[in-house]
Amino acid sequence: GERFQVLTIATGRNPPAAVHKFLAEAGVTALPTLTDPQLALARAS
């Protein structure tokens, strides 16, 4: 909500279709579909 957010970031090679399938199979409905395909944020973190 206003004070807190979960950000899930698919990191590396995760094709959009695979991300959607993964989230659907996990029953995820409230999380954003964010990606870091070049691992730039992951490496910096």
ModelCIF file with pLDDT and N, C-alpha, C, O atoms, coordinates in Angstrom:
data_MODEL
#
_entry.id   MODEL 
#
_entity.id                         1 
_entity.type                       polymer 
_entity.pdbx_number_of_molecules   1 
#
_entity_poly.entity_id                      1 
_entity_poly.type                           'polypeptide(L)' 
_entity_poly.nstd_linkage                   no 
_entity_poly.nstd_monomer                   no 
_entity_poly.pdbx_seq_one_letter_code       GERFQVLTIATGRNPPAAVHKFLAEAGVTALPTLTDPQLALARAS 
_entity_poly.pdbx_seq_one_letter_code_can   GERFQVLTIATGRNPPAAVHKFLAEAGVTALPTLTDPQLALARAS 
_entity_poly.pdbx_strand_id                 A 
#
loop_
_entity_poly_seq.entity_id 
_entity_poly_seq.num 
_entity_poly_seq.mon_id 
_entity_poly_seq.hetero 
1 1  GLY n 
1 2  GLU n 
1 3  ARG n 
1 4  PHE n 
1 5  GLN n 
1 6  VAL n 
1 7  LEU n 
1 8  THR n 
1 9  ILE n 
1 10 ALA n 
1 11 THR n 
1 12 GLY n 
1 13 ARG n 
1 14 ASN n 
1 15 PRO n 
1 16 PRO n 
1 17 ALA n 
1 18 ALA n 
1 19 VAL n 
1 20 HIS n 
1 21 LYS n 
1 22 PHE n 
1 23 LEU n 
1 24 ALA n 
1 25 GLU n 
1 26 ALA n 
1 27 GLY n 
1 28 VAL n 
1 29 THR n 
1 30 ALA n 
1 31 LEU n 
1 32 PRO n 
1 33 THR n 
1 34 LEU n 
1 35 THR n 
1 36 ASP n 
1 37 PRO n 
1 38 GLN n 
1 39 LEU n 
1 40 ALA n 
1 41 LEU n 
1 42 ALA n 
1 43 ARG n 
1 44 ALA n 
1 45 SER n 
#
_struct_asym.id          A 
_struct_asym.entity_id   1 
#
loop_
_ma_qa_metric.id 
_ma_qa_metric.mode 
_ma_qa_metric.name 
_ma_qa_metric.software_group_id 
_ma_qa_metric.type 
1 global pLDDT . pLDDT 
2 local  pLDDT . pLDDT 
#
_ma_qa_metric_global.metric_id      1 
_ma_qa_metric_global.metric_value   96.51 
_ma_qa_metric_global.model_id       1 
_ma_qa_metric_global.ordinal_id     1 
#
loop_
_ma_qa_metric_local.label_asym_id 
_ma_qa_metric_local.label_comp_id 
_ma_qa_metric_local.label_seq_id 
_ma_qa_metric_local.metric_id 
_ma_qa_metric_local.metric_value 
_ma_qa_metric_local.model_id 
_ma_qa_metric_local.ordinal_id 
A GLY 1  2 96.00 1 1  
A GLU 2  2 96.00 1 2  
A ARG 3  2 97.00 1 3  
A PHE 4  2 98.00 1 4  
A GLN 5  2 98.00 1 5  
A VAL 6  2 98.00 1 6  
A LEU 7  2 98.00 1 7  
A THR 8  2 98.00 1 8  
A ILE 9  2 98.00 1 9  
A ALA 10 2 98.00 1 10 
A THR 11 2 97.00 1 11 
A GLY 12 2 96.00 1 12 
A ARG 13 2 94.00 1 13 
A ASN 14 2 94.00 1 14 
A PRO 15 2 95.00 1 15 
A PRO 16 2 96.00 1 16 
A ALA 17 2 96.00 1 17 
A ALA 18 2 96.00 1 18 
A VAL 19 2 97.00 1 19 
A HIS 20 2 96.00 1 20 
A LYS 21 2 97.00 1 21 
A PHE 22 2 96.00 1 22 
A LEU 23 2 96.00 1 23 
A ALA 24 2 96.00 1 24 
A GLU 25 2 96.00 1 25 
A ALA 26 2 95.00 1 26 
A GLY 27 2 96.00 1 27 
A VAL 28 2 97.00 1 28 
A THR 29 2 96.00 1 29 
A ALA 30 2 97.00 1 30 
A LEU 31 2 96.00 1 31 
A PRO 32 2 93.00 1 32 
A THR 33 2 93.00 1 33 
A LEU 34 2 97.00 1 34 
A THR 35 2 97.00 1 35 
A ASP 36 2 98.00 1 36 
A PRO 37 2 96.00 1 37 
A GLN 38 2 96.00 1 38 
A LEU 39 2 97.00 1 39 
A ALA 40 2 97.00 1 40 
A LEU 41 2 98.00 1 41 
A ALA 42 2 98.00 1 42 
A ARG 43 2 98.00 1 43 
A ALA 44 2 98.00 1 44 
A SER 45 2 97.00 1 45 
#
loop_
_atom_site.group_PDB 
_atom_site.id 
_atom_site.type_symbol 
_atom_site.label_atom_id 
_atom_site.label_alt_id 
_atom_site.label_comp_id 
_atom_site.label_asym_id 
_atom_site.label_entity_id 
_atom_site.label_seq_id 
_atom_site.pdbx_PDB_ins_code 
_atom_site.Cartn_x 
_atom_site.Cartn_y 
_atom_site.Cartn_z 
_atom_site.occupancy 
_atom_site.B_iso_or_equiv 
_atom_site.pdbx_formal_charge 
_atom_site.auth_seq_id 
_atom_site.auth_comp_id 
_atom_site.auth_asym_id 
_atom_site.auth_atom_id 
_atom_site.pdbx_PDB_model_num 
ATOM 1   N N  . GLY A 1 1  ? 0.831  -1.206  0.000   1.00 96.00 ? 1  GLY A N  1 
ATOM 2   C CA . GLY A 1 1  ? 0.000  0.000   0.000   1.00 96.00 ? 1  GLY A CA 1 
ATOM 3   C C  . GLY A 1 1  ? 0.858  1.246   0.000   1.00 96.00 ? 1  GLY A C  1 
ATOM 4   O O  . GLY A 1 1  ? 1.914  1.287   -0.630  1.00 96.00 ? 1  GLY A O  1 
ATOM 5   N N  . GLU A 1 2  ? 0.399  2.255   0.707   1.00 96.00 ? 2  GLU A N  1 
ATOM 6   C CA . GLU A 1 2  ? 1.078  3.548   0.746   1.00 96.00 ? 2  GLU A CA 1 
ATOM 7   C C  . GLU A 1 2  ? 2.484  3.495   1.318   1.00 96.00 ? 2  GLU A C  1 
ATOM 8   O O  . GLU A 1 2  ? 3.356  4.259   0.904   1.00 96.00 ? 2  GLU A O  1 
ATOM 9   N N  . ARG A 1 3  ? 2.708  2.598   2.269   1.00 97.00 ? 3  ARG A N  1 
ATOM 10  C CA . ARG A 1 3  ? 3.993  2.589   2.996   1.00 97.00 ? 3  ARG A CA 1 
ATOM 11  C C  . ARG A 1 3  ? 4.915  1.452   2.619   1.00 97.00 ? 3  ARG A C  1 
ATOM 12  O O  . ARG A 1 3  ? 6.089  1.469   2.991   1.00 97.00 ? 3  ARG A O  1 
ATOM 13  N N  . PHE A 1 4  ? 4.411  0.442   1.876   1.00 98.00 ? 4  PHE A N  1 
ATOM 14  C CA . PHE A 1 4  ? 5.215  -0.756  1.608   1.00 98.00 ? 4  PHE A CA 1 
ATOM 15  C C  . PHE A 1 4  ? 4.848  -1.361  0.262   1.00 98.00 ? 4  PHE A C  1 
ATOM 16  O O  . PHE A 1 4  ? 3.694  -1.316  -0.162  1.00 98.00 ? 4  PHE A O  1 
ATOM 17  N N  . GLN A 1 5  ? 5.857  -1.933  -0.406  1.00 98.00 ? 5  GLN A N  1 
ATOM 18  C CA . GLN A 1 5  ? 5.652  -2.581  -1.700  1.00 98.00 ? 5  GLN A CA 1 
ATOM 19  C C  . GLN A 1 5  ? 6.625  -3.746  -1.841  1.00 98.00 ? 5  GLN A C  1 
ATOM 20  O O  . GLN A 1 5  ? 7.802  -3.627  -1.500  1.00 98.00 ? 5  GLN A O  1 
ATOM 21  N N  . VAL A 1 6  ? 6.128  -4.868  -2.343  1.00 98.00 ? 6  VAL A N  1 
ATOM 22  C CA . VAL A 1 6  ? 6.982  -5.981  -2.743  1.00 98.00 ? 6  VAL A CA 1 
ATOM 23  C C  . VAL A 1 6  ? 7.271  -5.808  -4.229  1.00 98.00 ? 6  VAL A C  1 
ATOM 24  O O  . VAL A 1 6  ? 6.352  -5.671  -5.036  1.00 98.00 ? 6  VAL A O  1 
ATOM 25  N N  . LEU A 1 7  ? 8.559  -5.817  -4.587  1.00 98.00 ? 7  LEU A N  1 
ATOM 26  C CA . LEU A 1 7  ? 8.969  -5.780  -5.994  1.00 98.00 ? 7  LEU A CA 1 
ATOM 27  C C  . LEU A 1 7  ? 9.676  -7.085  -6.301  1.00 98.00 ? 7  LEU A C  1 
ATOM 28  O O  . LEU A 1 7  ? 10.721 -7.377  -5.718  1.00 98.00 ? 7  LEU A O  1 
ATOM 29  N N  . THR A 1 8  ? 9.123  -7.872  -7.205  1.00 98.00 ? 8  THR A N  1 
ATOM 30  C CA . THR A 1 8  ? 9.775  -9.099  -7.643  1.00 98.00 ? 8  THR A CA 1 
ATOM 31  C C  . THR A 1 8  ? 10.365 -8.824  -9.020  1.00 98.00 ? 8  THR A C  1 
ATOM 32  O O  . THR A 1 8  ? 9.663  -8.389  -9.932  1.00 98.00 ? 8  THR A O  1 
ATOM 33  N N  . ILE A 1 9  ? 11.666 -9.084  -9.160  1.00 98.00 ? 9  ILE A N  1 
ATOM 34  C CA . ILE A 1 9  ? 12.368 -8.742  -10.391 1.00 98.00 ? 9  ILE A CA 1 
ATOM 35  C C  . ILE A 1 9  ? 12.969 -10.011 -10.988 1.00 98.00 ? 9  ILE A C  1 
ATOM 36  O O  . ILE A 1 9  ? 13.904 -10.591 -10.436 1.00 98.00 ? 9  ILE A O  1 
ATOM 37  N N  . ALA A 1 10 ? 12.410 -10.434 -12.134 1.00 98.00 ? 10 ALA A N  1 
ATOM 38  C CA . ALA A 1 10 ? 12.932 -11.595 -12.851 1.00 98.00 ? 10 ALA A CA 1 
ATOM 39  C C  . ALA A 1 10 ? 14.304 -11.196 -13.410 1.00 98.00 ? 10 ALA A C  1 
ATOM 40  O O  . ALA A 1 10 ? 14.414 -10.270 -14.213 1.00 98.00 ? 10 ALA A O  1 
ATOM 41  N N  . THR A 1 11 ? 15.336 -11.908 -12.972 1.00 97.00 ? 11 THR A N  1 
ATOM 42  C CA . THR A 1 11 ? 16.712 -11.520 -13.237 1.00 97.00 ? 11 THR A CA 1 
ATOM 43  C C  . THR A 1 11 ? 17.367 -12.476 -14.225 1.00 97.00 ? 11 THR A C  1 
ATOM 44  O O  . THR A 1 11 ? 17.292 -13.695 -14.067 1.00 97.00 ? 11 THR A O  1 
ATOM 45  N N  . GLY A 1 12 ? 18.005 -11.916 -15.241 1.00 96.00 ? 12 GLY A N  1 
ATOM 46  C CA . GLY A 1 12 ? 18.665 -12.729 -16.258 1.00 96.00 ? 12 GLY A CA 1 
ATOM 47  C C  . GLY A 1 12 ? 17.716 -13.054 -17.396 1.00 96.00 ? 12 GLY A C  1 
ATOM 48  O O  . GLY A 1 12 ? 16.748 -12.336 -17.648 1.00 96.00 ? 12 GLY A O  1 
ATOM 49  N N  . ARG A 1 13 ? 18.010 -14.139 -18.071 1.00 94.00 ? 13 ARG A N  1 
ATOM 50  C CA . ARG A 1 13 ? 17.215 -14.538 -19.242 1.00 94.00 ? 13 ARG A CA 1 
ATOM 51  C C  . ARG A 1 13 ? 15.936 -15.227 -18.810 1.00 94.00 ? 13 ARG A C  1 
ATOM 52  O O  . ARG A 1 13 ? 15.923 -16.409 -18.468 1.00 94.00 ? 13 ARG A O  1 
ATOM 53  N N  . ASN A 1 14 ? 14.878 -14.466 -18.834 1.00 94.00 ? 14 ASN A N  1 
ATOM 54  C CA . ASN A 1 14 ? 13.542 -14.949 -18.477 1.00 94.00 ? 14 ASN A CA 1 
ATOM 55  C C  . ASN A 1 14 ? 12.577 -14.414 -19.527 1.00 94.00 ? 14 ASN A C  1 
ATOM 56  O O  . ASN A 1 14 ? 12.062 -13.306 -19.378 1.00 94.00 ? 14 ASN A O  1 
ATOM 57  N N  . PRO A 1 15 ? 12.320 -15.183 -20.590 1.00 95.00 ? 15 PRO A N  1 
ATOM 58  C CA . PRO A 1 15 ? 11.411 -14.693 -21.633 1.00 95.00 ? 15 PRO A CA 1 
ATOM 59  C C  . PRO A 1 15 ? 10.053 -14.317 -21.055 1.00 95.00 ? 15 PRO A C  1 
ATOM 60  O O  . PRO A 1 15 ? 9.571  -14.969 -20.128 1.00 95.00 ? 15 PRO A O  1 
ATOM 61  N N  . PRO A 1 16 ? 9.432  -13.272 -21.595 1.00 96.00 ? 16 PRO A N  1 
ATOM 62  C CA . PRO A 1 16 ? 8.130  -12.835 -21.066 1.00 96.00 ? 16 PRO A CA 1 
ATOM 63  C C  . PRO A 1 16 ? 7.112  -13.967 -20.931 1.00 96.00 ? 16 PRO A C  1 
ATOM 64  O O  . PRO A 1 16 ? 6.395  -14.028 -19.932 1.00 96.00 ? 16 PRO A O  1 
ATOM 65  N N  . ALA A 1 17 ? 7.037  -14.856 -21.910 1.00 96.00 ? 17 ALA A N  1 
ATOM 66  C CA . ALA A 1 17 ? 6.071  -15.958 -21.821 1.00 96.00 ? 17 ALA A CA 1 
ATOM 67  C C  . ALA A 1 17 ? 6.380  -16.852 -20.621 1.00 96.00 ? 17 ALA A C  1 
ATOM 68  O O  . ALA A 1 17 ? 5.464  -17.325 -19.949 1.00 96.00 ? 17 ALA A O  1 
ATOM 69  N N  . ALA A 1 18 ? 7.650  -17.083 -20.352 1.00 96.00 ? 18 ALA A N  1 
ATOM 70  C CA . ALA A 1 18 ? 8.039  -17.916 -19.209 1.00 96.00 ? 18 ALA A CA 1 
ATOM 71  C C  . ALA A 1 18 ? 7.715  -17.214 -17.889 1.00 96.00 ? 18 ALA A C  1 
ATOM 72  O O  . ALA A 1 18 ? 7.307  -17.864 -16.927 1.00 96.00 ? 18 ALA A O  1 
ATOM 73  N N  . VAL A 1 19 ? 7.893  -15.890 -17.839 1.00 97.00 ? 19 VAL A N  1 
ATOM 74  C CA . VAL A 1 19 ? 7.570  -15.128 -16.629 1.00 97.00 ? 19 VAL A CA 1 
ATOM 75  C C  . VAL A 1 19 ? 6.071  -15.215 -16.360 1.00 97.00 ? 19 VAL A C  1 
ATOM 76  O O  . VAL A 1 19 ? 5.653  -15.494 -15.236 1.00 97.00 ? 19 VAL A O  1 
ATOM 77  N N  . HIS A 1 20 ? 5.264  -14.977 -17.392 1.00 96.00 ? 20 HIS A N  1 
ATOM 78  C CA . HIS A 1 20 ? 3.806  -15.050 -17.221 1.00 96.00 ? 20 HIS A CA 1 
ATOM 79  C C  . HIS A 1 20 ? 3.373  -16.454 -16.783 1.00 96.00 ? 20 HIS A C  1 
ATOM 80  O O  . HIS A 1 20 ? 2.532  -16.597 -15.896 1.00 96.00 ? 20 HIS A O  1 
ATOM 81  N N  . LYS A 1 21 ? 3.942  -17.475 -17.400 1.00 97.00 ? 21 LYS A N  1 
ATOM 82  C CA . LYS A 1 21 ? 3.590  -18.856 -17.048 1.00 97.00 ? 21 LYS A CA 1 
ATOM 83  C C  . LYS A 1 21 ? 3.977  -19.150 -15.597 1.00 97.00 ? 21 LYS A C  1 
ATOM 84  O O  . LYS A 1 21 ? 3.190  -19.721 -14.843 1.00 97.00 ? 21 LYS A O  1 
ATOM 85  N N  . PHE A 1 22 ? 5.186  -18.758 -15.215 1.00 96.00 ? 22 PHE A N  1 
ATOM 86  C CA . PHE A 1 22 ? 5.667  -18.969 -13.848 1.00 96.00 ? 22 PHE A CA 1 
ATOM 87  C C  . PHE A 1 22 ? 4.719  -18.335 -12.835 1.00 96.00 ? 22 PHE A C  1 
ATOM 88  O O  . PHE A 1 22 ? 4.304  -18.986 -11.876 1.00 96.00 ? 22 PHE A O  1 
ATOM 89  N N  . LEU A 1 23 ? 4.375  -17.060 -13.049 1.00 96.00 ? 23 LEU A N  1 
ATOM 90  C CA . LEU A 1 23 ? 3.511  -16.341 -12.116 1.00 96.00 ? 23 LEU A CA 1 
ATOM 91  C C  . LEU A 1 23 ? 2.106  -16.935 -12.081 1.00 96.00 ? 23 LEU A C  1 
ATOM 92  O O  . LEU A 1 23 ? 1.495  -17.021 -11.016 1.00 96.00 ? 23 LEU A O  1 
ATOM 93  N N  . ALA A 1 24 ? 1.593  -17.345 -13.236 1.00 96.00 ? 24 ALA A N  1 
ATOM 94  C CA . ALA A 1 24 ? 0.266  -17.967 -13.282 1.00 96.00 ? 24 ALA A CA 1 
ATOM 95  C C  . ALA A 1 24 ? 0.266  -19.291 -12.521 1.00 96.00 ? 24 ALA A C  1 
ATOM 96  O O  . ALA A 1 24 ? -0.649 -19.566 -11.746 1.00 96.00 ? 24 ALA A O  1 
ATOM 97  N N  . GLU A 1 25 ? 1.290  -20.106 -12.743 1.00 96.00 ? 25 GLU A N  1 
ATOM 98  C CA . GLU A 1 25 ? 1.363  -21.396 -12.051 1.00 96.00 ? 25 GLU A CA 1 
ATOM 99  C C  . GLU A 1 25 ? 1.513  -21.214 -10.543 1.00 96.00 ? 25 GLU A C  1 
ATOM 100 O O  . GLU A 1 25 ? 1.036  -22.042 -9.767  1.00 96.00 ? 25 GLU A O  1 
ATOM 101 N N  . ALA A 1 26 ? 2.172  -20.136 -10.127 1.00 95.00 ? 26 ALA A N  1 
ATOM 102 C CA . ALA A 1 26 ? 2.352  -19.861 -8.693  1.00 95.00 ? 26 ALA A CA 1 
ATOM 103 C C  . ALA A 1 26 ? 1.115  -19.192 -8.086  1.00 95.00 ? 26 ALA A C  1 
ATOM 104 O O  . ALA A 1 26 ? 1.045  -19.017 -6.869  1.00 95.00 ? 26 ALA A O  1 
ATOM 105 N N  . GLY A 1 27 ? 0.146  -18.820 -8.914  1.00 96.00 ? 27 GLY A N  1 
ATOM 106 C CA . GLY A 1 27 ? -1.070 -18.176 -8.426  1.00 96.00 ? 27 GLY A CA 1 
ATOM 107 C C  . GLY A 1 27 ? -0.860 -16.726 -8.019  1.00 96.00 ? 27 GLY A C  1 
ATOM 108 O O  . GLY A 1 27 ? -1.619 -16.196 -7.207  1.00 96.00 ? 27 GLY A O  1 
ATOM 109 N N  . VAL A 1 28 ? 0.150  -16.085 -8.566  1.00 97.00 ? 28 VAL A N  1 
ATOM 110 C CA . VAL A 1 28 ? 0.488  -14.706 -8.211  1.00 97.00 ? 28 VAL A CA 1 
ATOM 111 C C  . VAL A 1 28 ? -0.460 -13.744 -8.910  1.00 97.00 ? 28 VAL A C  1 
ATOM 112 O O  . VAL A 1 28 ? -0.652 -13.815 -10.124 1.00 97.00 ? 28 VAL A O  1 
ATOM 113 N N  . THR A 1 29 ? -1.051 -12.840 -8.127  1.00 96.00 ? 29 THR A N  1 
ATOM 114 C CA . THR A 1 29 ? -1.980 -11.859 -8.699  1.00 96.00 ? 29 THR A CA 1 
ATOM 115 C C  . THR A 1 29 ? -1.682 -10.420 -8.277  1.00 96.00 ? 29 THR A C  1 
ATOM 116 O O  . THR A 1 29 ? -2.220 -9.485  -8.871  1.00 96.00 ? 29 THR A O  1 
ATOM 117 N N  . ALA A 1 30 ? -0.834 -10.225 -7.261  1.00 97.00 ? 30 ALA A N  1 
ATOM 118 C CA . ALA A 1 30 ? -0.644 -8.878  -6.715  1.00 97.00 ? 30 ALA A CA 1 
ATOM 119 C C  . ALA A 1 30 ? 0.744  -8.290  -6.954  1.00 97.00 ? 30 ALA A C  1 
ATOM 120 O O  . ALA A 1 30 ? 1.027  -7.179  -6.507  1.00 97.00 ? 30 ALA A O  1 
ATOM 121 N N  . LEU A 1 31 ? 1.609  -9.017  -7.649  1.00 96.00 ? 31 LEU A N  1 
ATOM 122 C CA . LEU A 1 31 ? 2.992  -8.563  -7.821  1.00 96.00 ? 31 LEU A CA 1 
ATOM 123 C C  . LEU A 1 31 ? 3.239  -8.009  -9.222  1.00 96.00 ? 31 LEU A C  1 
ATOM 124 O O  . LEU A 1 31 ? 2.637  -8.475  -10.190 1.00 96.00 ? 31 LEU A O  1 
ATOM 125 N N  . PRO A 1 32 ? 4.123  -7.012  -9.334  1.00 93.00 ? 32 PRO A N  1 
ATOM 126 C CA . PRO A 1 32 ? 4.440  -6.457  -10.655 1.00 93.00 ? 32 PRO A CA 1 
ATOM 127 C C  . PRO A 1 32 ? 5.316  -7.413  -11.453 1.00 93.00 ? 32 PRO A C  1 
ATOM 128 O O  . PRO A 1 32 ? 5.996  -8.268  -10.885 1.00 93.00 ? 32 PRO A O  1 
ATOM 129 N N  . THR A 1 33 ? 5.295  -7.263  -12.772 1.00 93.00 ? 33 THR A N  1 
ATOM 130 C CA . THR A 1 33 ? 6.138  -8.085  -13.643 1.00 93.00 ? 33 THR A CA 1 
ATOM 131 C C  . THR A 1 33 ? 7.337  -7.249  -14.072 1.00 93.00 ? 33 THR A C  1 
ATOM 132 O O  . THR A 1 33 ? 7.341  -6.640  -15.142 1.00 93.00 ? 33 THR A O  1 
ATOM 133 N N  . LEU A 1 34 ? 8.347  -7.232  -13.221 1.00 97.00 ? 34 LEU A N  1 
ATOM 134 C CA . LEU A 1 34 ? 9.558  -6.456  -13.454 1.00 97.00 ? 34 LEU A CA 1 
ATOM 135 C C  . LEU A 1 34 ? 10.691 -7.384  -13.875 1.00 97.00 ? 34 LEU A C  1 
ATOM 136 O O  . LEU A 1 34 ? 10.731 -8.547  -13.472 1.00 97.00 ? 34 LEU A O  1 
ATOM 137 N N  . THR A 1 35 ? 11.610 -6.867  -14.687 1.00 97.00 ? 35 THR A N  1 
ATOM 138 C CA . THR A 1 35 ? 12.704 -7.686  -15.196 1.00 97.00 ? 35 THR A CA 1 
ATOM 139 C C  . THR A 1 35 ? 14.029 -6.923  -15.155 1.00 97.00 ? 35 THR A C  1 
ATOM 140 O O  . THR A 1 35 ? 14.071 -5.695  -15.218 1.00 97.00 ? 35 THR A O  1 
ATOM 141 N N  . ASP A 1 36 ? 15.085 -7.685  -15.050 1.00 98.00 ? 36 ASP A N  1 
ATOM 142 C CA . ASP A 1 36 ? 16.457 -7.177  -15.088 1.00 98.00 ? 36 ASP A CA 1 
ATOM 143 C C  . ASP A 1 36 ? 17.238 -8.109  -16.012 1.00 98.00 ? 36 ASP A C  1 
ATOM 144 O O  . ASP A 1 36 ? 18.108 -8.850  -15.554 1.00 98.00 ? 36 ASP A O  1 
ATOM 145 N N  . PRO A 1 37 ? 16.928 -8.076  -17.323 1.00 96.00 ? 37 PRO A N  1 
ATOM 146 C CA . PRO A 1 37 ? 17.485 -9.080  -18.231 1.00 96.00 ? 37 PRO A CA 1 
ATOM 147 C C  . PRO A 1 37 ? 19.009 -9.047  -18.361 1.00 96.00 ? 37 PRO A C  1 
ATOM 148 O O  . PRO A 1 37 ? 19.624 -10.081 -18.625 1.00 96.00 ? 37 PRO A O  1 
ATOM 149 N N  . GLN A 1 38 ? 19.619 -7.894  -18.182 1.00 96.00 ? 38 GLN A N  1 
ATOM 150 C CA . GLN A 1 38 ? 21.073 -7.789  -18.294 1.00 96.00 ? 38 GLN A CA 1 
ATOM 151 C C  . GLN A 1 38 ? 21.769 -7.939  -16.945 1.00 96.00 ? 38 GLN A C  1 
ATOM 152 O O  . GLN A 1 38 ? 22.990 -7.811  -16.862 1.00 96.00 ? 38 GLN A O  1 
ATOM 153 N N  . LEU A 1 39 ? 21.005 -8.210  -15.889 1.00 97.00 ? 39 LEU A N  1 
ATOM 154 C CA . LEU A 1 39 ? 21.513 -8.369  -14.526 1.00 97.00 ? 39 LEU A CA 1 
ATOM 155 C C  . LEU A 1 39 ? 22.195 -7.110  -13.998 1.00 97.00 ? 39 LEU A C  1 
ATOM 156 O O  . LEU A 1 39 ? 23.021 -7.189  -13.089 1.00 97.00 ? 39 LEU A O  1 
ATOM 157 N N  . ALA A 1 40 ? 21.862 -5.961  -14.556 1.00 97.00 ? 40 ALA A N  1 
ATOM 158 C CA . ALA A 1 40 ? 22.518 -4.711  -14.150 1.00 97.00 ? 40 ALA A CA 1 
ATOM 159 C C  . ALA A 1 40 ? 22.185 -4.364  -12.699 1.00 97.00 ? 40 ALA A C  1 
ATOM 160 O O  . ALA A 1 40 ? 23.088 -4.077  -11.914 1.00 97.00 ? 40 ALA A O  1 
ATOM 161 N N  . LEU A 1 41 ? 20.908 -4.388  -12.336 1.00 98.00 ? 41 LEU A N  1 
ATOM 162 C CA . LEU A 1 41 ? 20.525 -4.082  -10.958 1.00 98.00 ? 41 LEU A CA 1 
ATOM 163 C C  . LEU A 1 41 ? 21.013 -5.186  -10.022 1.00 98.00 ? 41 LEU A C  1 
ATOM 164 O O  . LEU A 1 41 ? 21.491 -4.905  -8.923  1.00 98.00 ? 41 LEU A O  1 
ATOM 165 N N  . ALA A 1 42 ? 20.895 -6.420  -10.450 1.00 98.00 ? 42 ALA A N  1 
ATOM 166 C CA . ALA A 1 42 ? 21.353 -7.535  -9.616  1.00 98.00 ? 42 ALA A CA 1 
ATOM 167 C C  . ALA A 1 42 ? 22.846 -7.407  -9.312  1.00 98.00 ? 42 ALA A C  1 
ATOM 168 O O  . ALA A 1 42 ? 23.257 -7.562  -8.162  1.00 98.00 ? 42 ALA A O  1 
ATOM 169 N N  . ARG A 1 43 ? 23.649 -7.130  -10.320 1.00 98.00 ? 43 ARG A N  1 
ATOM 170 C CA . ARG A 1 43 ? 25.093 -6.970  -10.095 1.00 98.00 ? 43 ARG A CA 1 
ATOM 171 C C  . ARG A 1 43 ? 25.376 -5.782  -9.188  1.00 98.00 ? 43 ARG A C  1 
ATOM 172 O O  . ARG A 1 43 ? 26.182 -5.883  -8.263  1.00 98.00 ? 43 ARG A O  1 
ATOM 173 N N  . ALA A 1 44 ? 24.715 -4.656  -9.449  1.00 98.00 ? 44 ALA A N  1 
ATOM 174 C CA . ALA A 1 44 ? 24.934 -3.459  -8.625  1.00 98.00 ? 44 ALA A CA 1 
ATOM 175 C C  . ALA A 1 44 ? 24.504 -3.689  -7.174  1.00 98.00 ? 44 ALA A C  1 
ATOM 176 O O  . ALA A 1 44 ? 25.001 -3.032  -6.260  1.00 98.00 ? 44 ALA A O  1 
ATOM 177 N N  . SER A 1 45 ? 23.581 -4.623  -6.974  1.00 97.00 ? 45 SER A N  1 
ATOM 178 C CA . SER A 1 45 ? 23.080 -4.941  -5.639  1.00 97.00 ? 45 SER A CA 1 
ATOM 179 C C  . SER A 1 45 ? 23.865 -6.065  -4.974  1.00 97.00 ? 45 SER A C  1 
ATOM 180 O O  . SER A 1 45 ? 23.561 -6.446  -3.843  1.00 97.00 ? 45 SER A O  1 
#
